Amino acid sequence: MDYPLKLAEQLRPQLQALRKQRGLTQAQLGKMIGVTQARVVEIEAHPGAVSLQQVMQVLSVLGATLMIRTTDTDPMKPLQEAEEINVVHKIPKKGSW
């Protein structure tokens, strides 16, 4: 399922929902990515203030990807006017993550 995002703050509920869908606590997710539970709290609370690398790491562990999709087919239109960021997630089979 796709979740179009236009602001970093919109990523917050998606990260929390993905983690909960996987049945993970913040502490468990932190252990999987090599950070403390307190850092996971920060990542979920302020995803726009976190490095893209760390967001990508969290998404990978949660079975999701970050996709950039243009919303306009006119190649002459500046990209900044046509960018849309989506988080796409697939629920992996139990035990595959």
C-alpha atoms as a PDB file:
ATOM      1  CA  MET A   1       0.000   0.000   0.000  1.00  0.00           C
ATOM      2  CA  ASP A   2       1.288   3.518  -0.779  1.00  0.00           C
ATOM      3  CA  TYR A   3       1.191   6.417   1.675  1.00  0.00           C
ATOM      4  CA  PRO A   4       1.871   9.732  -0.109  1.00  0.00           C
ATOM      5  CA  LEU A   5       3.773  12.137   2.132  1.00  0.00           C
ATOM      6  CA  LYS A   6       4.428  15.811   1.579  1.00  0.00           C
ATOM      7  CA  LEU A   7       5.849  16.667   5.027  1.00  0.00           C
ATOM      8  CA  ALA A   8       8.344  14.820   7.227  1.00  0.00           C
ATOM      9  CA  GLU A   9       5.882  14.969  10.126  1.00  0.00           C
ATOM     10  CA  GLN A  10       3.553  12.681   8.168  1.00  0.00           C
ATOM     11  CA  LEU A  11       6.175   9.955   8.487  1.00  0.00           C
ATOM     12  CA  ARG A  12       5.724   9.771  12.277  1.00  0.00           C
ATOM     13  CA  PRO A  13       2.452   7.792  12.364  1.00  0.00           C
ATOM     14  CA  GLN A  14       3.660   5.573   9.520  1.00  0.00           C
ATOM     15  CA  LEU A  15       6.805   4.546  11.388  1.00  0.00           C
ATOM     16  CA  GLN A  16       4.843   3.817  14.546  1.00  0.00           C
ATOM     17  CA  ALA A  17       2.177   1.862  12.660  1.00  0.00           C
ATOM     18  CA  LEU A  18       4.749  -0.212  10.770  1.00  0.00           C
ATOM     19  CA  ARG A  19       6.575  -1.075  13.997  1.00  0.00           C
ATOM     20  CA  LYS A  20       3.354  -2.073  15.734  1.00  0.00           C
ATOM     21  CA  GLN A  21       2.198  -4.124  12.722  1.00  0.00           C
ATOM     22  CA  ARG A  22       5.440  -6.089  13.000  1.00  0.00           C
ATOM     23  CA  GLY A  23       4.749  -6.658  16.703  1.00  0.00           C
ATOM     24  CA  LEU A  24       7.924  -4.871  17.771  1.00  0.00           C
ATOM     25  CA  THR A  25       8.501  -2.700  20.794  1.00  0.00           C
ATOM     26  CA  GLN A  26      10.684   0.377  20.484  1.00  0.00           C
ATOM     27  CA  ALA A  27      13.388  -1.482  22.425  1.00  0.00           C
ATOM     28  CA  GLN A  28      13.269  -4.450  20.024  1.00  0.00           C
ATOM     29  CA  LEU A  29      13.462  -2.183  16.980  1.00  0.00           C
ATOM     30  CA  GLY A  30      16.362  -0.311  18.562  1.00  0.00           C
ATOM     31  CA  LYS A  31      18.245  -3.547  19.113  1.00  0.00           C
ATOM     32  CA  MET A  32      17.668  -4.548  15.480  1.00  0.00           C
ATOM     33  CA  ILE A  33      19.167  -1.302  14.163  1.00  0.00           C
ATOM     34  CA  GLY A  34      21.826  -0.919  16.846  1.00  0.00           C
ATOM     35  CA  VAL A  35      20.416   2.016  18.817  1.00  0.00           C
ATOM     36  CA  THR A  36      18.749   2.486  22.190  1.00  0.00           C
ATOM     37  CA  GLN A  37      15.018   2.511  22.826  1.00  0.00           C
ATOM     38  CA  ALA A  38      15.358   6.228  23.612  1.00  0.00           C
ATOM     39  CA  ARG A  39      16.761   6.822  20.111  1.00  0.00           C
ATOM     40  CA  VAL A  40      13.802   4.996  18.548  1.00  0.00           C
ATOM     41  CA  VAL A  41      11.514   7.319  20.523  1.00  0.00           C
ATOM     42  CA  GLU A  42      13.368  10.288  18.969  1.00  0.00           C
ATOM     43  CA  ILE A  43      13.215   8.798  15.471  1.00  0.00           C
ATOM     44  CA  GLU A  44       9.473   8.193  15.703  1.00  0.00           C
ATOM     45  CA  ALA A  45       8.765  11.561  17.315  1.00  0.00           C
ATOM     46  CA  HIS A  46      10.843  13.688  14.933  1.00  0.00           C
ATOM     47  CA  PRO A  47      11.598  11.766  11.717  1.00  0.00           C
ATOM     48  CA  GLY A  48      12.387  15.010   9.893  1.00  0.00           C
ATOM     49  CA  ALA A  49      15.268  15.707  12.282  1.00  0.00           C
ATOM     50  CA  VAL A  50      16.823  12.260  11.784  1.00  0.00           C
ATOM     51  CA  SER A  51      19.376  11.446   9.101  1.00  0.00           C
ATOM     52  CA  LEU A  52      17.941   9.918   5.962  1.00  0.00           C
ATOM     53  CA  GLN A  53      20.335   7.015   6.458  1.00  0.00           C
ATOM     54  CA  GLN A  54      18.784   6.200   9.831  1.00  0.00           C
ATOM     55  CA  VAL A  55      15.213   6.534   8.507  1.00  0.00           C
ATOM     56  CA  MET A  56      16.140   4.193   5.647  1.00  0.00           C
ATOM     57  CA  GLN A  57      17.612   1.719   8.145  1.00  0.00           C
ATOM     58  CA  VAL A  58      14.399   1.742  10.197  1.00  0.00           C
ATOM     59  CA  LEU A  59      12.244   1.336   7.087  1.00  0.00           C
ATOM     60  CA  SER A  60      14.383  -1.561   5.893  1.00  0.00           C
ATOM     61  CA  VAL A  61      14.021  -3.416   9.202  1.00  0.00           C
ATOM     62  CA  LEU A  62      10.273  -2.780   9.107  1.00  0.00           C
ATOM     63  CA  GLY A  63       9.981  -4.170   5.563  1.00  0.00           C
ATOM     64  CA  ALA A  64       9.300  -0.791   3.936  1.00  0.00           C
ATOM     65  CA  THR A  65      11.003   1.367   1.317  1.00  0.00           C
ATOM     66  CA  LEU A  66      11.113   5.056   0.539  1.00  0.00           C
ATOM     67  CA  MET A  67      10.060   5.989  -2.993  1.00  0.00           C
ATOM     68  CA  ILE A  68      10.258   9.293  -4.824  1.00  0.00           C
ATOM     69  CA  ARG A  69       7.601   9.634  -7.488  1.00  0.00           C
ATOM     70  CA  THR A  70       7.049  12.596  -9.762  1.00  0.00           C
ATOM     71  CA  THR A  71       3.434  13.664 -10.026  1.00  0.00           C
ATOM     72  CA  ASP A  72       3.740  15.509 -13.339  1.00  0.00           C
ATOM     73  CA  THR A  73       4.645  13.965 -16.680  1.00  0.00           C
ATOM     74  CA  ASP A  74       6.041  17.205 -18.168  1.00  0.00           C
ATOM     75  CA  PRO A  75       9.854  16.676 -18.092  1.00  0.00           C
ATOM     76  CA  MET A  76      10.418  20.422 -18.518  1.00  0.00           C
ATOM     77  CA  LYS A  77       8.649  21.280 -15.270  1.00  0.00           C
ATOM     78  CA  PRO A  78      11.080  21.798 -12.354  1.00  0.00           C
ATOM     79  CA  LEU A  79      11.282  18.728 -10.140  1.00  0.00           C
ATOM     80  CA  GLN A  80      10.777  20.700  -6.927  1.00  0.00           C
ATOM     81  CA  GLU A  81       7.224  21.414  -8.056  1.00  0.00           C
ATOM     82  CA  ALA A  82       6.480  17.804  -8.902  1.00  0.00           C
ATOM     83  CA  GLU A  83       8.128  15.723  -6.182  1.00  0.00           C
ATOM     84  CA  GLU A  84       6.149  13.441  -3.951  1.00  0.00           C
ATOM     85  CA  ILE A  85       7.632  11.123  -1.369  1.00  0.00           C
ATOM     86  CA  ASN A  86       5.919   7.849  -0.606  1.00  0.00           C
ATOM     87  CA  VAL A  87       6.534   5.190   1.953  1.00  0.00           C
ATOM     88  CA  VAL A  88       5.708   1.770   0.585  1.00  0.00           C
ATOM     89  CA  HIS A  89       5.580  -1.189   2.895  1.00  0.00           C
ATOM     90  CA  LYS A  90       5.043  -4.870   2.478  1.00  0.00           C
ATOM     91  CA  ILE A  91       4.314  -7.099   5.424  1.00  0.00           C
ATOM     92  CA  PRO A  92       6.912  -9.872   5.329  1.00  0.00           C
ATOM     93  CA  LYS A  93       6.083 -13.421   6.232  1.00  0.00           C
ATOM     94  CA  LYS A  94       6.446 -14.076   9.944  1.00  0.00           C
ATOM     95  CA  GLY A  95      10.030 -14.869  10.824  1.00  0.00           C
ATOM     96  CA  SER A  96      11.488 -13.428   7.593  1.00  0.00           C
ATOM     97  CA  TRP A  97      12.622 -10.208   9.274  1.00  0.00           C
END
